[in-house]
Amino acid sequence: VALQVTAIVGSLEAALALQAATTSIAIV
């Protein structure tokens, strides 16, 4: 998130961590 990536791809566990980290970067 700090790198300001455009989108992040991950598994379910990764997406759950990402969900808590950002509401603006696209998560796939």
All heavy atoms as atom14 arrays in JSON, in Angstrom:
{
  "sequence": "VALQVTAIVGSLEAALALQAATTSIAIV",
  "atom14_mask": [
    [1, 1, 1, 1, 1, 1, 1, 0, 0, 0, 0, 0, 0, 0],
    [1, 1, 1, 1, 1, 0, 0, 0, 0, 0, 0, 0, 0, 0],
    [1, 1, 1, 1, 1, 1, 1, 1, 0, 0, 0, 0, 0, 0],
    [1, 1, 1, 1, 1, 1, 1, 1, 1, 0, 0, 0, 0, 0],
    [1, 1, 1, 1, 1, 1, 1, 0, 0, 0, 0, 0, 0, 0],
    [1, 1, 1, 1, 1, 1, 1, 0, 0, 0, 0, 0, 0, 0],
    [1, 1, 1, 1, 1, 0, 0, 0, 0, 0, 0, 0, 0, 0],
    [1, 1, 1, 1, 1, 1, 1, 1, 0, 0, 0, 0, 0, 0],
    [1, 1, 1, 1, 1, 1, 1, 0, 0, 0, 0, 0, 0, 0],
    [1, 1, 1, 1, 0, 0, 0, 0, 0, 0, 0, 0, 0, 0],
    [1, 1, 1, 1, 1, 1, 0, 0, 0, 0, 0, 0, 0, 0],
    [1, 1, 1, 1, 1, 1, 1, 1, 0, 0, 0, 0, 0, 0],
    [1, 1, 1, 1, 1, 1, 1, 1, 1, 0, 0, 0, 0, 0],
    [1, 1, 1, 1, 1, 0, 0, 0, 0, 0, 0, 0, 0, 0],
    [1, 1, 1, 1, 1, 0, 0, 0, 0, 0, 0, 0, 0, 0],
    [1, 1, 1, 1, 1, 1, 1, 1, 0, 0, 0, 0, 0, 0],
    [1, 1, 1, 1, 1, 0, 0, 0, 0, 0, 0, 0, 0, 0],
    [1, 1, 1, 1, 1, 1, 1, 1, 0, 0, 0, 0, 0, 0],
    [1, 1, 1, 1, 1, 1, 1, 1, 1, 0, 0, 0, 0, 0],
    [1, 1, 1, 1, 1, 0, 0, 0, 0, 0, 0, 0, 0, 0],
    [1, 1, 1, 1, 1, 0, 0, 0, 0, 0, 0, 0, 0, 0],
    [1, 1, 1, 1, 1, 1, 1, 0, 0, 0, 0, 0, 0, 0],
    [1, 1, 1, 1, 1, 1, 1, 0, 0, 0, 0, 0, 0, 0],
    [1, 1, 1, 1, 1, 1, 0, 0, 0, 0, 0, 0, 0, 0],
    [1, 1, 1, 1, 1, 1, 1, 1, 0, 0, 0, 0, 0, 0],
    [1, 1, 1, 1, 1, 0, 0, 0, 0, 0, 0, 0, 0, 0],
    [1, 1, 1, 1, 1, 1, 1, 1, 0, 0, 0, 0, 0, 0],
    [1, 1, 1, 1, 1, 1, 1, 0, 0, 0, 0, 0, 0, 0]
  ],
  "atom14_positions": [
    [[0.85, -1.2, 0.0], [0.0, 0.0, 0.0], [0.88, 1.25, 0.0], [0.62, 2.21, -0.73], [-0.97, -0.01, 1.2], [-1.66, 1.33, 1.37], [-2.0, -1.13, 1.03], [0.0, 0.0, 0.0], [0.0, 0.0, 0.0], [0.0, 0.0, 0.0], [0.0, 0.0, 0.0], [0.0, 0.0, 0.0], [0.0, 0.0, 0.0], [0.0, 0.0, 0.0]],
    [[1.96, 1.24, 0.77], [2.86, 2.39, 0.84], [3.54, 2.64, -0.51], [3.88, 3.79, -0.83], [3.91, 2.17, 1.92], [0.0, 0.0, 0.0], [0.0, 0.0, 0.0], [0.0, 0.0, 0.0], [0.0, 0.0, 0.0], [0.0, 0.0, 0.0], [0.0, 0.0, 0.0], [0.0, 0.0, 0.0], [0.0, 0.0, 0.0], [0.0, 0.0, 0.0]],
    [[3.73, 1.6, -1.3], [4.32, 1.76, -2.63], [3.34, 2.37, -3.63], [3.72, 2.69, -4.75], [4.81, 0.41, -3.16], [6.02, -0.19, -2.46], [6.28, -1.6, -2.98], [7.24, 0.69, -2.68], [0.0, 0.0, 0.0], [0.0, 0.0, 0.0], [0.0, 0.0, 0.0], [0.0, 0.0, 0.0], [0.0, 0.0, 0.0], [0.0, 0.0, 0.0]],
    [[2.09, 2.49, -3.23], [1.02, 3.03, -4.08], [0.88, 2.26, -5.39], [0.81, 2.84, -6.48], [1.24, 4.52, -4.35], [1.19, 5.34, -3.1], [1.38, 6.83, -3.36], [1.76, 7.26, -4.43], [1.08, 7.61, -2.34], [0.0, 0.0, 0.0], [0.0, 0.0, 0.0], [0.0, 0.0, 0.0], [0.0, 0.0, 0.0], [0.0, 0.0, 0.0]],
    [[0.85, 0.92, -5.27], [0.63, 0.08, -6.44], [-0.75, 0.36, -7.0], [-1.63, 0.89, -6.31], [0.8, -1.41, -6.09], [2.22, -1.72, -5.67], [-0.18, -1.84, -5.02], [0.0, 0.0, 0.0], [0.0, 0.0, 0.0], [0.0, 0.0, 0.0], [0.0, 0.0, 0.0], [0.0, 0.0, 0.0], [0.0, 0.0, 0.0], [0.0, 0.0, 0.0]],
    [[-0.95, 0.02, -8.26], [-2.24, 0.26, -8.9], [-3.27, -0.77, -8.48], [-4.43, -0.45, -8.28], [-2.07, 0.22, -10.44], [-1.04, 1.14, -10.79], [-3.34, 0.58, -11.15], [0.0, 0.0, 0.0], [0.0, 0.0, 0.0], [0.0, 0.0, 0.0], [0.0, 0.0, 0.0], [0.0, 0.0, 0.0], [0.0, 0.0, 0.0], [0.0, 0.0, 0.0]],
    [[-2.84, -2.03, -8.39], [-3.72, -3.13, -7.98], [-2.87, -4.16, -7.28], [-1.64, -4.21, -7.46], [-4.4, -3.75, -9.2], [0.0, 0.0, 0.0], [0.0, 0.0, 0.0], [0.0, 0.0, 0.0], [0.0, 0.0, 0.0], [0.0, 0.0, 0.0], [0.0, 0.0, 0.0], [0.0, 0.0, 0.0], [0.0, 0.0, 0.0], [0.0, 0.0, 0.0]],
    [[-3.51, -4.99, -6.45], [-2.79, -6.05, -5.74], [-3.53, -7.36, -5.96], [-4.74, -7.44, -5.78], [-2.67, -5.76, -4.23], [-2.05, -4.38, -4.0], [-1.83, -6.84, -3.55], [-2.05, -3.94, -2.54], [0.0, 0.0, 0.0], [0.0, 0.0, 0.0], [0.0, 0.0, 0.0], [0.0, 0.0, 0.0], [0.0, 0.0, 0.0], [0.0, 0.0, 0.0]],
    [[-2.78, -8.39, -6.34], [-3.33, -9.73, -6.59], [-2.91, -10.63, -5.44], [-1.75, -10.59, -5.01], [-2.79, -10.3, -7.93], [-3.32, -11.7, -8.17], [-3.14, -9.37, -9.08], [0.0, 0.0, 0.0], [0.0, 0.0, 0.0], [0.0, 0.0, 0.0], [0.0, 0.0, 0.0], [0.0, 0.0, 0.0], [0.0, 0.0, 0.0], [0.0, 0.0, 0.0]],
    [[-3.84, -11.44, -4.94], [-3.48, -12.34, -3.85], [-4.53, -13.39, -3.58], [-5.59, -13.42, -4.19], [0.0, 0.0, 0.0], [0.0, 0.0, 0.0], [0.0, 0.0, 0.0], [0.0, 0.0, 0.0], [0.0, 0.0, 0.0], [0.0, 0.0, 0.0], [0.0, 0.0, 0.0], [0.0, 0.0, 0.0], [0.0, 0.0, 0.0], [0.0, 0.0, 0.0]],
    [[-4.21, -14.24, -2.64], [-5.11, -15.3, -2.19], [-6.13, -14.73, -1.2], [-6.11, -13.54, -0.9], [-4.29, -16.39, -1.5], [-3.69, -15.85, -0.33], [0.0, 0.0, 0.0], [0.0, 0.0, 0.0], [0.0, 0.0, 0.0], [0.0, 0.0, 0.0], [0.0, 0.0, 0.0], [0.0, 0.0, 0.0], [0.0, 0.0, 0.0], [0.0, 0.0, 0.0]],
    [[-6.98, -15.58, -0.67], [-7.98, -15.14, 0.3], [-7.34, -14.52, 1.54], [-7.72, -13.43, 1.96], [-8.88, -16.31, 0.71], [-9.95, -15.98, 1.74], [-11.02, -15.08, 1.13], [-10.58, -17.24, 2.3], [0.0, 0.0, 0.0], [0.0, 0.0, 0.0], [0.0, 0.0, 0.0], [0.0, 0.0, 0.0], [0.0, 0.0, 0.0], [0.0, 0.0, 0.0]],
    [[-6.34, -15.2, 2.12], [-5.68, -14.66, 3.32], [-5.03, -13.32, 3.04], [-5.11, -12.39, 3.84], [-4.62, -15.63, 3.86], [-5.15, -16.94, 4.36], [-5.12, -18.02, 3.28], [-4.88, -17.7, 2.11], [-5.36, -19.18, 3.63], [0.0, 0.0, 0.0], [0.0, 0.0, 0.0], [0.0, 0.0, 0.0], [0.0, 0.0, 0.0], [0.0, 0.0, 0.0]],
    [[-4.39, -13.23, 1.89], [-3.74, -11.97, 1.5], [-4.79, -10.88, 1.32], [-4.6, -9.75, 1.77], [-2.95, -12.17, 0.22], [0.0, 0.0, 0.0], [0.0, 0.0, 0.0], [0.0, 0.0, 0.0], [0.0, 0.0, 0.0], [0.0, 0.0, 0.0], [0.0, 0.0, 0.0], [0.0, 0.0, 0.0], [0.0, 0.0, 0.0], [0.0, 0.0, 0.0]],
    [[-5.89, -11.2, 0.67], [-6.94, -10.21, 0.42], [-7.56, -9.72, 1.73], [-7.91, -8.55, 1.85], [-8.01, -10.79, -0.5], [0.0, 0.0, 0.0], [0.0, 0.0, 0.0], [0.0, 0.0, 0.0], [0.0, 0.0, 0.0], [0.0, 0.0, 0.0], [0.0, 0.0, 0.0], [0.0, 0.0, 0.0], [0.0, 0.0, 0.0], [0.0, 0.0, 0.0]],
    [[-7.67, -10.59, 2.71], [-8.2, -10.17, 4.02], [-7.25, -9.17, 4.68], [-7.69, -8.18, 5.27], [-8.44, -11.39, 4.92], [-9.64, -12.25, 4.52], [-9.62, -13.59, 5.26], [-10.95, -11.52, 4.76], [0.0, 0.0, 0.0], [0.0, 0.0, 0.0], [0.0, 0.0, 0.0], [0.0, 0.0, 0.0], [0.0, 0.0, 0.0], [0.0, 0.0, 0.0]],
    [[-5.94, -9.42, 4.58], [-4.98, -8.47, 5.13], [-5.02, -7.15, 4.36], [-4.94, -6.07, 4.95], [-3.57, -9.07, 5.1], [0.0, 0.0, 0.0], [0.0, 0.0, 0.0], [0.0, 0.0, 0.0], [0.0, 0.0, 0.0], [0.0, 0.0, 0.0], [0.0, 0.0, 0.0], [0.0, 0.0, 0.0], [0.0, 0.0, 0.0], [0.0, 0.0, 0.0]],
    [[-5.17, -7.23, 3.06], [-5.23, -6.04, 2.22], [-6.5, -5.24, 2.48], [-6.49, -4.01, 2.46], [-5.15, -6.42, 0.74], [-3.79, -6.95, 0.31], [-3.9, -7.71, -1.01], [-2.81, -5.79, 0.21], [0.0, 0.0, 0.0], [0.0, 0.0, 0.0], [0.0, 0.0, 0.0], [0.0, 0.0, 0.0], [0.0, 0.0, 0.0], [0.0, 0.0, 0.0]],
    [[-7.6, -5.94, 2.74], [-8.88, -5.29, 3.02], [-8.74, -4.37, 4.24], [-9.32, -3.28, 4.27], [-9.95, -6.35, 3.28], [-11.32, -5.83, 3.57], [-12.3, -6.96, 3.86], [-11.96, -7.95, 4.51], [-13.51, -6.83, 3.35], [0.0, 0.0, 0.0], [0.0, 0.0, 0.0], [0.0, 0.0, 0.0], [0.0, 0.0, 0.0], [0.0, 0.0, 0.0]],
    [[-7.96, -4.8, 5.21], [-7.74, -3.98, 6.41], [-6.75, -2.84, 6.15], [-6.73, -1.86, 6.87], [-7.23, -4.86, 7.55], [0.0, 0.0, 0.0], [0.0, 0.0, 0.0], [0.0, 0.0, 0.0], [0.0, 0.0, 0.0], [0.0, 0.0, 0.0], [0.0, 0.0, 0.0], [0.0, 0.0, 0.0], [0.0, 0.0, 0.0], [0.0, 0.0, 0.0]],
    [[-5.93, -2.97, 5.09], [-4.88, -2.0, 4.84], [-5.27, -0.88, 3.87], [-4.68, 0.19, 3.91], [-3.64, -2.71, 4.28], [0.0, 0.0, 0.0], [0.0, 0.0, 0.0], [0.0, 0.0, 0.0], [0.0, 0.0, 0.0], [0.0, 0.0, 0.0], [0.0, 0.0, 0.0], [0.0, 0.0, 0.0], [0.0, 0.0, 0.0], [0.0, 0.0, 0.0]],
    [[-6.26, -1.11, 3.02], [-6.62, -0.09, 2.03], [-8.07, -0.21, 1.58], [-8.61, -1.31, 1.5], [-5.7, -0.15, 0.78], [-6.06, 0.9, -0.11], [-5.81, -1.48, 0.06], [0.0, 0.0, 0.0], [0.0, 0.0, 0.0], [0.0, 0.0, 0.0], [0.0, 0.0, 0.0], [0.0, 0.0, 0.0], [0.0, 0.0, 0.0], [0.0, 0.0, 0.0]],
    [[-8.65, 0.94, 1.3], [-9.99, 0.97, 0.69], [-9.93, 1.64, -0.67], [-10.95, 1.82, -1.32], [-10.98, 1.75, 1.58], [-10.48, 3.06, 1.79], [-11.19, 1.04, 2.91], [0.0, 0.0, 0.0], [0.0, 0.0, 0.0], [0.0, 0.0, 0.0], [0.0, 0.0, 0.0], [0.0, 0.0, 0.0], [0.0, 0.0, 0.0], [0.0, 0.0, 0.0]],
    [[-8.72, 2.01, -1.11], [-8.61, 2.73, -2.38], [-7.85, 1.97, -3.46], [-8.08, 2.2, -4.64], [-7.95, 4.09, -2.16], [-6.66, 3.92, -1.6], [0.0, 0.0, 0.0], [0.0, 0.0, 0.0], [0.0, 0.0, 0.0], [0.0, 0.0, 0.0], [0.0, 0.0, 0.0], [0.0, 0.0, 0.0], [0.0, 0.0, 0.0], [0.0, 0.0, 0.0]],
    [[-6.95, 1.07, -3.1], [-6.21, 0.29, -4.1], [-7.03, -0.95, -4.45], [-7.55, -1.63, -3.58], [-4.83, -0.11, -3.56], [-3.99, 1.15, -3.3], [-4.11, -1.04, -4.54], [-2.65, 0.9, -2.65], [0.0, 0.0, 0.0], [0.0, 0.0, 0.0], [0.0, 0.0, 0.0], [0.0, 0.0, 0.0], [0.0, 0.0, 0.0], [0.0, 0.0, 0.0]],
    [[-7.11, -1.22, -5.74], [-7.86, -2.38, -6.23], [-7.21, -3.68, -5.75], [-6.0, -3.85, -5.85], [-7.93, -2.36, -7.74], [0.0, 0.0, 0.0], [0.0, 0.0, 0.0], [0.0, 0.0, 0.0], [0.0, 0.0, 0.0], [0.0, 0.0, 0.0], [0.0, 0.0, 0.0], [0.0, 0.0, 0.0], [0.0, 0.0, 0.0], [0.0, 0.0, 0.0]],
    [[-8.05, -4.59, -5.23], [-7.6, -5.9, -4.75], [-8.28, -6.97, -5.6], [-9.51, -6.98, -5.72], [-7.97, -6.1, -3.27], [-7.32, -5.03, -2.4], [-7.56, -7.5, -2.8], [-7.87, -4.98, -0.98], [0.0, 0.0, 0.0], [0.0, 0.0, 0.0], [0.0, 0.0, 0.0], [0.0, 0.0, 0.0], [0.0, 0.0, 0.0], [0.0, 0.0, 0.0]],
    [[-7.48, -7.86, -6.19], [-8.0, -8.97, -6.98], [-7.61, -10.25, -6.28], [-6.43, -10.53, -6.09], [-7.42, -8.97, -8.42], [-7.98, -10.13, -9.22], [-7.69, -7.64, -9.12], [0.0, 0.0, 0.0], [0.0, 0.0, 0.0], [0.0, 0.0, 0.0], [0.0, 0.0, 0.0], [0.0, 0.0, 0.0], [0.0, 0.0, 0.0], [0.0, 0.0, 0.0]]
  ]
}
